[in-house]
Structures are given as structure tokens and as C-alpha cells.
């Protein structure tokens, strides 16, 4: 945000920070505050990644410009700093995607242990290709993922930031069926 904020939009000050009540929920603000306390006061920026993950989760899996601007205002950061982080990390989405994010590791260890077959099985099961969301908006099969650092459990995938290892098609079916 540049210049003085416009307070005619139902904004208010909360602990000295401009908050648009309708943009960041009370829950999200509490989570951001919890992360802020983990760092020195002058290092609120350190809570940015956690803040974006929380906002994304509450917004059905993606970040809007309005939400990123609200996070920037809450953390007293320039909007561009928030956009840079949101566009850099593969776990953050800036376009609408399915509610549950699925990433199948396709790096060498997983590839050698059958990741290609797991990707094919997930695509068939969901009726969506890599990089697409399902028709009902329930699942998003992310583009090929770099190493997720769980090589000893290959092949593996991450669903909503939770790791599932030693995958078989049957195990994948069970994981997907248990998602709400």
C-alpha cells in the first residue's frame, strides 16, 4: 500500500494495523499473529509464508490480489514483496484450483520406484491431467513436483501439505477416498 489508506471502506485499526474486516478473517489474523510472535518484533516479514499458506487454505486453495494486498497491509510490507513470495513458491497458487492440492514427486528416486504409474493412476482416478483441477473443483493435480525430500518412502505424494509414502494404486485410492 502506498500513501495514506482510505478508511472509508469499513476498515479499522487493530493493534495499529489497518485491517479490512471482510478480507482477512479473525481466524487468519490470529494465525498470522501466532506466527509473528515466533520472530523478533522487527521481523514480522518472517511470518509471510505462513500467512500466505493460511490465507490460501481459507480461500479454497488460492490467493487473490486482494488477499495478498491485505496480508501486505497486515504485515506492513510492500505488496510487491508479498507477490514475489506468492509467485516463487510452488505450494502457493494465484489462480483458482481444486480444493485439495495433490503433488506427486517425479524426481529420480520416486521415478525409479514407480512414480510414473502413480501419476497415471491419479490422472485416471480423478479424470484430470497434471496441471488441471477436477470438474467438480475438488482436486488439483499439480504439475510435476521437484524432490519432496522423502526419497526413502518413494514413490510418494503430498496432499494438502501432508506426505504419503510407499504408494501403490490401492493406497492412492484410499487416500483420495478419505478426503472430504
N, C-alpha and C. Protein backbone atom coordinates (compact mmCIF):
# COMPACT_ATOMS: atom_id res chain seq x y z
N UNK A 1 0.83 -1.18 0.00
CA UNK A 1 0.00 0.00 0.00
C UNK A 1 0.86 1.24 0.00
N UNK A 2 0.50 2.17 -0.83
CA UNK A 2 1.26 3.41 -0.85
C UNK A 2 0.36 4.54 -0.40
N UNK A 3 0.94 5.58 0.15
CA UNK A 3 0.16 6.71 0.62
C UNK A 3 -0.64 6.37 1.85
N UNK A 4 -1.57 7.28 2.20
CA UNK A 4 -2.41 7.04 3.37
C UNK A 4 -3.58 6.16 2.96
N UNK A 5 -3.90 5.16 3.80
CA UNK A 5 -5.00 4.28 3.45
C UNK A 5 -6.34 5.01 3.51
N UNK A 6 -7.25 4.59 2.66
CA UNK A 6 -8.60 5.13 2.64
C UNK A 6 -9.41 4.41 3.70
N UNK A 7 -9.85 5.11 4.73
CA UNK A 7 -10.57 4.49 5.84
C UNK A 7 -12.07 4.49 5.61
N UNK A 8 -12.56 4.89 4.43
CA UNK A 8 -13.99 4.94 4.18
C UNK A 8 -14.53 3.59 3.70
N UNK A 9 -13.72 2.54 3.73
CA UNK A 9 -14.15 1.23 3.24
C UNK A 9 -14.39 0.24 4.37
N UNK A 10 -14.89 0.71 5.50
CA UNK A 10 -15.16 -0.13 6.67
C UNK A 10 -13.90 -0.73 7.26
N UNK A 11 -12.77 -0.09 7.05
CA UNK A 11 -11.52 -0.54 7.64
C UNK A 11 -11.43 -0.01 9.06
N UNK A 12 -10.60 -0.65 9.85
CA UNK A 12 -10.35 -0.16 11.20
C UNK A 12 -8.92 -0.48 11.56
N UNK A 13 -8.46 0.13 12.62
CA UNK A 13 -7.12 -0.16 13.11
C UNK A 13 -7.22 -1.25 14.17
N UNK A 14 -6.39 -2.26 14.06
CA UNK A 14 -6.32 -3.34 15.02
C UNK A 14 -4.86 -3.45 15.43
N UNK A 15 -4.55 -3.12 16.67
CA UNK A 15 -3.17 -3.09 17.14
C UNK A 15 -2.31 -2.19 16.26
N UNK A 16 -2.91 -1.09 15.79
CA UNK A 16 -2.17 -0.13 15.00
C UNK A 16 -2.01 -0.51 13.54
N UNK A 17 -2.64 -1.61 13.10
CA UNK A 17 -2.52 -2.07 11.73
C UNK A 17 -3.88 -1.96 11.05
N UNK A 18 -3.90 -1.40 9.85
CA UNK A 18 -5.14 -1.30 9.10
C UNK A 18 -5.61 -2.69 8.71
N UNK A 19 -6.86 -3.00 9.04
CA UNK A 19 -7.42 -4.32 8.72
C UNK A 19 -8.76 -4.12 8.04
N UNK A 20 -8.94 -4.70 6.93
CA UNK A 20 -10.24 -4.72 6.29
C UNK A 20 -10.91 -6.00 6.76
N UNK A 21 -11.87 -5.85 7.66
CA UNK A 21 -12.51 -6.99 8.31
C UNK A 21 -13.01 -8.03 7.31
N UNK A 22 -13.53 -7.58 6.19
CA UNK A 22 -14.13 -8.51 5.24
C UNK A 22 -13.08 -9.25 4.39
N UNK A 23 -11.83 -8.91 4.52
CA UNK A 23 -10.81 -9.57 3.70
C UNK A 23 -10.09 -10.66 4.49
N UNK A 24 -9.48 -10.33 5.61
CA UNK A 24 -8.80 -11.32 6.43
C UNK A 24 -9.70 -11.68 7.61
N UNK A 25 -10.01 -12.96 7.72
CA UNK A 25 -10.89 -13.39 8.80
C UNK A 25 -10.19 -13.27 10.15
N UNK A 26 -10.98 -13.31 11.19
CA UNK A 26 -10.42 -13.25 12.54
C UNK A 26 -9.48 -14.44 12.77
N UNK A 27 -9.87 -15.60 12.26
CA UNK A 27 -9.03 -16.80 12.40
C UNK A 27 -7.67 -16.60 11.72
N UNK A 28 -7.68 -16.07 10.50
CA UNK A 28 -6.43 -15.85 9.77
C UNK A 28 -5.56 -14.84 10.50
N UNK A 29 -6.16 -13.75 10.97
CA UNK A 29 -5.38 -12.76 11.71
C UNK A 29 -4.77 -13.36 12.97
N UNK A 30 -5.52 -14.22 13.65
CA UNK A 30 -4.99 -14.87 14.86
C UNK A 30 -3.82 -15.78 14.50
N UNK A 31 -3.93 -16.50 13.40
CA UNK A 31 -2.83 -17.38 12.96
C UNK A 31 -1.60 -16.56 12.58
N UNK A 32 -1.81 -15.47 11.86
CA UNK A 32 -0.68 -14.61 11.50
C UNK A 32 -0.03 -14.06 12.76
N UNK A 33 -0.84 -13.62 13.70
CA UNK A 33 -0.31 -13.09 14.96
C UNK A 33 0.49 -14.16 15.70
N UNK A 34 0.01 -15.40 15.66
CA UNK A 34 0.72 -16.51 16.32
C UNK A 34 2.10 -16.68 15.68
N UNK A 35 2.18 -16.58 14.36
CA UNK A 35 3.46 -16.71 13.68
C UNK A 35 4.36 -15.51 13.95
N UNK A 36 3.78 -14.33 14.00
CA UNK A 36 4.56 -13.13 14.27
C UNK A 36 5.29 -13.24 15.60
N UNK A 37 4.65 -13.84 16.60
CA UNK A 37 5.27 -13.94 17.94
C UNK A 37 6.49 -14.84 17.95
N UNK A 38 6.68 -15.63 16.92
CA UNK A 38 7.83 -16.53 16.85
C UNK A 38 9.11 -15.81 16.42
N UNK A 39 8.98 -14.56 16.00
CA UNK A 39 10.11 -13.81 15.47
C UNK A 39 10.27 -12.49 16.23
N UNK A 40 11.46 -11.88 16.17
CA UNK A 40 11.62 -10.56 16.78
C UNK A 40 10.61 -9.58 16.17
N UNK A 41 10.17 -8.62 16.95
CA UNK A 41 9.13 -7.69 16.53
C UNK A 41 9.43 -7.02 15.19
N UNK A 42 10.68 -6.68 14.96
CA UNK A 42 11.03 -6.00 13.70
C UNK A 42 11.12 -6.98 12.52
N UNK A 43 10.85 -8.26 12.76
CA UNK A 43 10.95 -9.28 11.71
C UNK A 43 9.59 -9.89 11.36
N UNK A 44 8.54 -9.09 11.36
CA UNK A 44 7.20 -9.60 11.02
C UNK A 44 7.19 -10.26 9.64
N UNK A 45 8.08 -9.79 8.78
CA UNK A 45 8.16 -10.35 7.42
C UNK A 45 8.39 -11.87 7.45
N UNK A 46 9.03 -12.34 8.50
CA UNK A 46 9.32 -13.77 8.61
C UNK A 46 8.05 -14.61 8.69
N UNK A 47 6.93 -14.01 9.04
CA UNK A 47 5.66 -14.72 9.13
C UNK A 47 4.92 -14.76 7.79
N UNK A 48 5.50 -14.18 6.75
CA UNK A 48 4.82 -14.03 5.47
C UNK A 48 4.41 -15.36 4.84
N UNK A 49 5.32 -16.30 4.74
CA UNK A 49 4.99 -17.56 4.09
C UNK A 49 3.87 -18.29 4.83
N UNK A 50 3.95 -18.34 6.14
CA UNK A 50 2.89 -18.98 6.93
C UNK A 50 1.56 -18.24 6.75
N UNK A 51 1.61 -16.92 6.69
CA UNK A 51 0.40 -16.13 6.49
C UNK A 51 -0.25 -16.45 5.15
N UNK A 52 0.56 -16.53 4.10
CA UNK A 52 0.02 -16.83 2.78
C UNK A 52 -0.55 -18.24 2.70
N UNK A 53 0.10 -19.19 3.34
CA UNK A 53 -0.45 -20.56 3.37
C UNK A 53 -1.81 -20.59 4.06
N UNK A 54 -1.93 -19.89 5.17
CA UNK A 54 -3.18 -19.86 5.92
C UNK A 54 -4.29 -19.18 5.11
N UNK A 55 -3.98 -18.05 4.50
CA UNK A 55 -4.96 -17.33 3.69
C UNK A 55 -5.38 -18.20 2.50
N UNK A 56 -4.42 -18.84 1.85
CA UNK A 56 -4.73 -19.70 0.71
C UNK A 56 -5.65 -20.83 1.13
N UNK A 57 -5.36 -21.47 2.26
CA UNK A 57 -6.18 -22.58 2.74
C UNK A 57 -7.62 -22.12 2.96
N UNK A 58 -7.79 -20.96 3.57
CA UNK A 58 -9.13 -20.46 3.86
C UNK A 58 -9.87 -20.01 2.60
N UNK A 59 -9.14 -19.71 1.54
CA UNK A 59 -9.74 -19.22 0.30
C UNK A 59 -9.83 -20.32 -0.76
N UNK A 60 -10.09 -21.53 -0.36
CA UNK A 60 -10.26 -22.64 -1.30
C UNK A 60 -9.05 -22.91 -2.17
N UNK A 61 -7.86 -22.73 -1.61
CA UNK A 61 -6.66 -23.19 -2.27
C UNK A 61 -5.92 -22.21 -3.16
N UNK A 62 -6.32 -20.93 -3.18
CA UNK A 62 -5.56 -19.98 -3.99
C UNK A 62 -5.61 -18.59 -3.39
N UNK A 63 -4.69 -17.75 -3.85
CA UNK A 63 -4.55 -16.38 -3.36
C UNK A 63 -5.02 -15.39 -4.42
N UNK A 64 -5.80 -14.41 -4.00
CA UNK A 64 -6.19 -13.34 -4.91
C UNK A 64 -5.30 -12.13 -4.64
N UNK A 65 -5.29 -11.20 -5.58
CA UNK A 65 -4.52 -9.97 -5.38
C UNK A 65 -5.03 -9.23 -4.15
N UNK A 66 -6.34 -9.21 -3.97
CA UNK A 66 -6.93 -8.53 -2.81
C UNK A 66 -6.44 -9.16 -1.50
N UNK A 67 -6.38 -10.48 -1.44
CA UNK A 67 -5.90 -11.16 -0.23
C UNK A 67 -4.42 -10.89 -0.01
N UNK A 68 -3.63 -10.92 -1.08
CA UNK A 68 -2.20 -10.64 -0.93
C UNK A 68 -1.97 -9.21 -0.46
N UNK A 69 -2.76 -8.28 -0.97
CA UNK A 69 -2.65 -6.88 -0.52
C UNK A 69 -3.03 -6.76 0.95
N UNK A 70 -4.04 -7.51 1.38
CA UNK A 70 -4.45 -7.47 2.79
C UNK A 70 -3.35 -8.02 3.69
N UNK A 71 -2.69 -9.09 3.26
CA UNK A 71 -1.57 -9.65 4.03
C UNK A 71 -0.44 -8.63 4.09
N UNK A 72 -0.16 -7.99 2.96
CA UNK A 72 0.90 -6.97 2.93
C UNK A 72 0.59 -5.86 3.93
N UNK A 73 -0.65 -5.39 3.94
CA UNK A 73 -1.04 -4.33 4.87
C UNK A 73 -0.92 -4.81 6.31
N UNK A 74 -1.35 -6.04 6.57
CA UNK A 74 -1.33 -6.57 7.94
C UNK A 74 0.10 -6.70 8.46
N UNK A 75 1.01 -7.11 7.58
CA UNK A 75 2.42 -7.29 7.98
C UNK A 75 3.26 -6.04 7.73
N UNK A 76 2.62 -4.99 7.25
CA UNK A 76 3.31 -3.73 6.97
C UNK A 76 4.45 -3.93 5.98
N UNK A 77 4.12 -4.61 4.88
CA UNK A 77 5.08 -4.89 3.82
C UNK A 77 4.59 -4.27 2.52
N UNK A 78 5.49 -3.99 1.60
CA UNK A 78 5.05 -3.56 0.27
C UNK A 78 4.35 -4.74 -0.42
N UNK A 79 3.31 -4.45 -1.16
CA UNK A 79 2.57 -5.52 -1.86
C UNK A 79 3.49 -6.35 -2.75
N UNK A 80 4.46 -5.71 -3.40
CA UNK A 80 5.36 -6.44 -4.30
C UNK A 80 6.13 -7.53 -3.56
N UNK A 81 6.47 -7.31 -2.30
CA UNK A 81 7.19 -8.32 -1.52
C UNK A 81 6.32 -9.57 -1.33
N UNK A 82 5.03 -9.35 -1.15
CA UNK A 82 4.09 -10.47 -0.99
C UNK A 82 3.91 -11.18 -2.33
N UNK A 83 3.76 -10.43 -3.42
CA UNK A 83 3.61 -11.03 -4.74
C UNK A 83 4.82 -11.88 -5.11
N UNK A 84 6.01 -11.39 -4.76
CA UNK A 84 7.24 -12.14 -5.07
C UNK A 84 7.23 -13.49 -4.38
N UNK A 85 6.86 -13.53 -3.13
CA UNK A 85 6.82 -14.79 -2.38
C UNK A 85 5.74 -15.70 -2.96
N UNK A 86 4.56 -15.14 -3.23
CA UNK A 86 3.45 -15.94 -3.74
C UNK A 86 3.76 -16.55 -5.10
N UNK A 87 4.52 -15.85 -5.91
CA UNK A 87 4.84 -16.38 -7.24
C UNK A 87 6.07 -17.29 -7.24
N UNK A 88 6.87 -17.24 -6.19
CA UNK A 88 8.10 -18.04 -6.13
C UNK A 88 7.84 -19.47 -5.65
N UNK A 89 7.05 -19.64 -4.62
CA UNK A 89 6.87 -20.96 -4.00
C UNK A 89 5.81 -21.78 -4.72
N UNK A 90 6.16 -23.03 -5.05
CA UNK A 90 5.25 -23.89 -5.80
C UNK A 90 4.03 -24.32 -4.98
N UNK A 91 4.08 -24.16 -3.67
CA UNK A 91 2.93 -24.55 -2.87
C UNK A 91 1.86 -23.46 -2.81
N UNK A 92 2.14 -22.31 -3.38
CA UNK A 92 1.18 -21.21 -3.39
C UNK A 92 0.60 -21.05 -4.79
N UNK A 93 -0.70 -20.86 -4.85
CA UNK A 93 -1.40 -20.72 -6.13
C UNK A 93 -2.04 -19.35 -6.21
N UNK A 94 -1.94 -18.72 -7.37
CA UNK A 94 -2.53 -17.40 -7.56
C UNK A 94 -3.69 -17.43 -8.56
N UNK A 95 -4.11 -18.61 -8.93
CA UNK A 95 -5.27 -18.81 -9.80
C UNK A 95 -6.16 -19.86 -9.14
N UNK A 96 -7.47 -19.83 -9.40
CA UNK A 96 -8.35 -20.83 -8.80
C UNK A 96 -7.93 -22.25 -9.19
N UNK A 97 -7.91 -23.12 -8.20
CA UNK A 97 -7.58 -24.53 -8.40
C UNK A 97 -8.51 -25.35 -7.52
N UNK A 98 -8.45 -26.68 -7.69
CA UNK A 98 -9.26 -27.56 -6.86
C UNK A 98 -8.92 -27.41 -5.38
N UNK A 99 -9.87 -27.78 -4.54
CA UNK A 99 -9.74 -27.59 -3.09
C UNK A 99 -8.56 -28.36 -2.51
N UNK A 100 -8.36 -29.60 -2.93
CA UNK A 100 -7.27 -30.42 -2.42
C UNK A 100 -6.13 -30.44 -3.43
N UNK A 101 -4.96 -30.04 -3.00
CA UNK A 101 -3.78 -29.96 -3.85
C UNK A 101 -2.98 -31.25 -3.75
N UNK A 102 -2.74 -31.89 -4.89
CA UNK A 102 -2.02 -33.16 -4.94
C UNK A 102 -0.74 -32.96 -5.74
N UNK A 103 0.39 -33.32 -5.15
CA UNK A 103 1.69 -33.24 -5.82
C UNK A 103 2.35 -34.61 -5.75
N UNK A 104 2.57 -35.21 -6.90
CA UNK A 104 3.28 -36.49 -6.94
C UNK A 104 4.73 -36.19 -7.27
N UNK A 105 5.64 -36.65 -6.43
CA UNK A 105 7.06 -36.46 -6.68
C UNK A 105 7.47 -37.29 -7.89
N UNK A 106 8.16 -36.66 -8.83
CA UNK A 106 8.62 -37.37 -10.03
C UNK A 106 10.13 -37.26 -10.20
N UNK A 107 10.82 -36.99 -9.11
CA UNK A 107 12.27 -36.94 -9.18
C UNK A 107 12.83 -38.36 -9.19
N UNK A 108 14.12 -38.48 -9.33
CA UNK A 108 14.76 -39.76 -9.66
C UNK A 108 14.38 -40.92 -8.74
N UNK A 109 14.43 -40.74 -7.44
CA UNK A 109 14.13 -41.86 -6.53
C UNK A 109 12.70 -42.34 -6.71
N UNK A 110 11.77 -41.39 -6.77
CA UNK A 110 10.36 -41.76 -6.95
C UNK A 110 10.12 -42.34 -8.34
N UNK A 111 10.78 -41.76 -9.34
CA UNK A 111 10.64 -42.24 -10.70
C UNK A 111 11.09 -43.69 -10.82
N UNK A 112 12.23 -44.00 -10.21
CA UNK A 112 12.76 -45.37 -10.26
C UNK A 112 11.87 -46.36 -9.50
N UNK A 113 11.03 -45.86 -8.60
CA UNK A 113 10.18 -46.74 -7.80
C UNK A 113 8.71 -46.69 -8.23
N UNK A 114 8.45 -46.15 -9.43
CA UNK A 114 7.10 -46.24 -9.98
C UNK A 114 6.24 -44.99 -9.97
N UNK A 115 6.85 -43.83 -9.85
CA UNK A 115 6.07 -42.58 -9.80
C UNK A 115 5.24 -42.36 -11.06
N UNK A 116 5.78 -42.75 -12.23
CA UNK A 116 5.03 -42.56 -13.47
C UNK A 116 3.69 -43.28 -13.42
N UNK A 117 3.70 -44.51 -12.90
CA UNK A 117 2.46 -45.28 -12.79
C UNK A 117 1.51 -44.65 -11.77
N UNK A 118 2.07 -44.07 -10.73
CA UNK A 118 1.23 -43.40 -9.73
C UNK A 118 0.58 -42.17 -10.35
N UNK A 119 1.34 -41.38 -11.11
CA UNK A 119 0.78 -40.20 -11.78
C UNK A 119 -0.34 -40.63 -12.73
N UNK A 120 -0.09 -41.66 -13.54
CA UNK A 120 -1.11 -42.15 -14.48
C UNK A 120 -2.35 -42.61 -13.73
N UNK A 121 -2.16 -43.29 -12.61
CA UNK A 121 -3.29 -43.78 -11.82
C UNK A 121 -4.10 -42.61 -11.24
N UNK A 122 -3.41 -41.62 -10.71
CA UNK A 122 -4.11 -40.45 -10.14
C UNK A 122 -4.88 -39.72 -11.24
N UNK A 123 -4.26 -39.54 -12.41
CA UNK A 123 -4.94 -38.88 -13.52
C UNK A 123 -6.21 -39.64 -13.90
N UNK A 124 -6.09 -40.95 -13.99
CA UNK A 124 -7.24 -41.79 -14.36
C UNK A 124 -8.32 -41.72 -13.28
N UNK A 125 -7.92 -41.82 -12.05
CA UNK A 125 -8.86 -41.82 -10.92
C UNK A 125 -9.62 -40.48 -10.85
N UNK A 126 -8.92 -39.37 -11.06
CA UNK A 126 -9.54 -38.05 -10.94
C UNK A 126 -10.20 -37.57 -12.22
N UNK A 127 -9.80 -38.13 -13.35
CA UNK A 127 -10.32 -37.63 -14.62
C UNK A 127 -9.74 -36.27 -14.96
N UNK A 128 -8.53 -36.02 -14.48
CA UNK A 128 -7.84 -34.75 -14.74
C UNK A 128 -6.38 -35.04 -14.99
N UNK A 129 -5.79 -34.28 -15.87
CA UNK A 129 -4.37 -34.42 -16.17
C UNK A 129 -3.54 -33.55 -15.22
N UNK A 130 -2.23 -33.80 -15.20
CA UNK A 130 -1.31 -32.99 -14.41
C UNK A 130 -1.47 -31.52 -14.82
N UNK A 131 -1.58 -30.64 -13.83
CA UNK A 131 -1.77 -29.21 -14.08
C UNK A 131 -3.23 -28.80 -14.16
N UNK A 132 -4.14 -29.75 -13.95
CA UNK A 132 -5.57 -29.46 -14.04
C UNK A 132 -6.29 -29.73 -12.72
N UNK A 133 -7.46 -29.13 -12.60
CA UNK A 133 -8.36 -29.41 -11.48
C UNK A 133 -9.47 -30.32 -11.99
N UNK A 134 -10.08 -31.06 -11.07
CA UNK A 134 -11.21 -31.90 -11.46
C UNK A 134 -12.41 -31.02 -11.79
N UNK A 135 -13.33 -31.58 -12.55
CA UNK A 135 -14.51 -30.84 -12.99
C UNK A 135 -15.30 -30.28 -11.82
N UNK A 136 -15.38 -31.03 -10.72
CA UNK A 136 -16.15 -30.58 -9.55
C UNK A 136 -15.38 -29.62 -8.65
N UNK A 137 -14.11 -29.32 -9.01
CA UNK A 137 -13.31 -28.39 -8.23
C UNK A 137 -12.79 -28.95 -6.92
N UNK A 138 -12.87 -30.25 -6.77
CA UNK A 138 -12.46 -30.88 -5.52
C UNK A 138 -10.96 -31.11 -5.44
N UNK A 139 -10.33 -31.46 -6.55
CA UNK A 139 -8.91 -31.81 -6.56
C UNK A 139 -8.15 -31.01 -7.61
N UNK A 140 -6.88 -30.75 -7.29
CA UNK A 140 -5.96 -30.10 -8.23
C UNK A 140 -4.70 -30.95 -8.27
N UNK A 141 -4.38 -31.49 -9.44
CA UNK A 141 -3.18 -32.29 -9.62
C UNK A 141 -2.09 -31.36 -10.15
N UNK A 142 -1.21 -30.99 -9.25
CA UNK A 142 -0.16 -30.01 -9.59
C UNK A 142 0.78 -30.56 -10.66
N UNK A 143 1.43 -29.63 -11.33
CA UNK A 143 2.45 -30.02 -12.31
C UNK A 143 3.53 -30.83 -11.60
N UNK A 144 4.34 -31.49 -12.37
CA UNK A 144 5.37 -32.35 -11.77
C UNK A 144 6.12 -31.62 -10.68
N UNK A 145 6.30 -32.30 -9.60
CA UNK A 145 6.91 -31.71 -8.42
C UNK A 145 8.38 -32.08 -8.35
N UNK A 146 9.17 -31.14 -7.92
CA UNK A 146 10.58 -31.42 -7.64
C UNK A 146 10.65 -32.31 -6.41
N UNK A 147 11.83 -32.73 -6.09
CA UNK A 147 12.03 -33.63 -4.96
C UNK A 147 11.36 -33.08 -3.70
N UNK A 148 10.59 -33.92 -3.05
CA UNK A 148 9.91 -33.54 -1.81
C UNK A 148 10.66 -34.06 -0.59
N UNK A 149 11.88 -34.55 -0.81
CA UNK A 149 12.81 -34.95 0.26
C UNK A 149 12.28 -36.08 1.12
N UNK A 150 11.64 -37.04 0.48
CA UNK A 150 11.19 -38.24 1.20
C UNK A 150 11.57 -39.46 0.37
N UNK A 151 12.79 -39.46 -0.12
CA UNK A 151 13.26 -40.48 -1.05
C UNK A 151 13.16 -41.90 -0.49
N UNK A 152 13.35 -42.06 0.80
CA UNK A 152 13.28 -43.41 1.38
C UNK A 152 11.86 -43.95 1.36
N UNK A 153 10.86 -43.11 1.12
CA UNK A 153 9.47 -43.55 1.05
C UNK A 153 8.91 -43.51 -0.36
N UNK A 154 9.79 -43.56 -1.35
CA UNK A 154 9.37 -43.46 -2.74
C UNK A 154 8.57 -44.70 -3.16
N UNK A 155 7.62 -44.51 -4.07
CA UNK A 155 7.10 -43.25 -4.59
C UNK A 155 6.20 -42.58 -3.55
N UNK A 156 6.16 -41.26 -3.61
CA UNK A 156 5.39 -40.52 -2.61
C UNK A 156 4.67 -39.36 -3.26
N UNK A 157 3.67 -38.85 -2.51
CA UNK A 157 2.97 -37.66 -2.95
C UNK A 157 2.60 -36.83 -1.73
N UNK A 158 2.33 -35.58 -1.98
CA UNK A 158 1.90 -34.67 -0.93
C UNK A 158 0.47 -34.24 -1.27
N UNK A 159 -0.41 -34.35 -0.29
CA UNK A 159 -1.79 -33.91 -0.45
C UNK A 159 -2.06 -32.89 0.65
N UNK A 160 -2.34 -31.67 0.24
CA UNK A 160 -2.60 -30.59 1.21
C UNK A 160 -1.49 -30.50 2.25
N UNK A 161 -0.25 -30.58 1.82
CA UNK A 161 0.95 -30.43 2.65
C UNK A 161 1.19 -31.62 3.58
N UNK A 162 0.51 -32.73 3.35
CA UNK A 162 0.74 -33.94 4.14
C UNK A 162 1.37 -35.00 3.23
N UNK A 163 2.45 -35.62 3.71
CA UNK A 163 3.17 -36.61 2.91
C UNK A 163 2.54 -37.99 3.03
N UNK A 164 2.49 -38.69 1.88
CA UNK A 164 2.06 -40.09 1.81
C UNK A 164 3.15 -40.83 1.06
N UNK A 165 3.68 -41.87 1.68
CA UNK A 165 4.84 -42.56 1.12
C UNK A 165 4.54 -44.01 0.77
N UNK A 166 5.50 -44.63 0.06
CA UNK A 166 5.40 -46.03 -0.35
C UNK A 166 4.06 -46.31 -1.02
N UNK A 167 3.76 -45.49 -2.02
CA UNK A 167 2.45 -45.54 -2.66
C UNK A 167 2.27 -46.74 -3.57
N UNK A 168 1.05 -47.22 -3.58
CA UNK A 168 0.56 -48.20 -4.55
C UNK A 168 -0.75 -47.61 -5.09
N UNK A 169 -1.23 -48.10 -6.22
CA UNK A 169 -2.53 -47.60 -6.70
C UNK A 169 -3.64 -47.76 -5.65
N UNK A 170 -3.62 -48.87 -4.93
CA UNK A 170 -4.65 -49.11 -3.91
C UNK A 170 -4.54 -48.08 -2.77
N UNK A 171 -3.32 -47.78 -2.37
CA UNK A 171 -3.11 -46.79 -1.30
C UNK A 171 -3.55 -45.40 -1.77
N UNK A 172 -3.28 -45.07 -3.03
CA UNK A 172 -3.71 -43.79 -3.59
C UNK A 172 -5.24 -43.70 -3.56
N UNK A 173 -5.92 -44.78 -3.96
CA UNK A 173 -7.38 -44.80 -3.94
C UNK A 173 -7.91 -44.52 -2.54
N UNK A 174 -7.32 -45.17 -1.56
CA UNK A 174 -7.75 -45.00 -0.16
C UNK A 174 -7.54 -43.55 0.30
N UNK A 175 -6.40 -42.97 -0.03
CA UNK A 175 -6.10 -41.59 0.35
C UNK A 175 -7.12 -40.63 -0.26
N UNK A 176 -7.38 -40.78 -1.55
CA UNK A 176 -8.30 -39.88 -2.24
C UNK A 176 -9.73 -40.03 -1.74
N UNK A 177 -10.13 -41.26 -1.45
CA UNK A 177 -11.49 -41.50 -0.96
C UNK A 177 -11.71 -40.92 0.43
N UNK A 178 -10.66 -40.79 1.21
CA UNK A 178 -10.79 -40.26 2.57
C UNK A 178 -10.77 -38.74 2.65
N UNK A 179 -10.53 -38.07 1.53
CA UNK A 179 -10.53 -36.60 1.52
C UNK A 179 -11.96 -36.10 1.43
N UNK A 180 -12.26 -35.10 2.23
CA UNK A 180 -13.63 -34.54 2.23
C UNK A 180 -13.71 -33.33 1.36
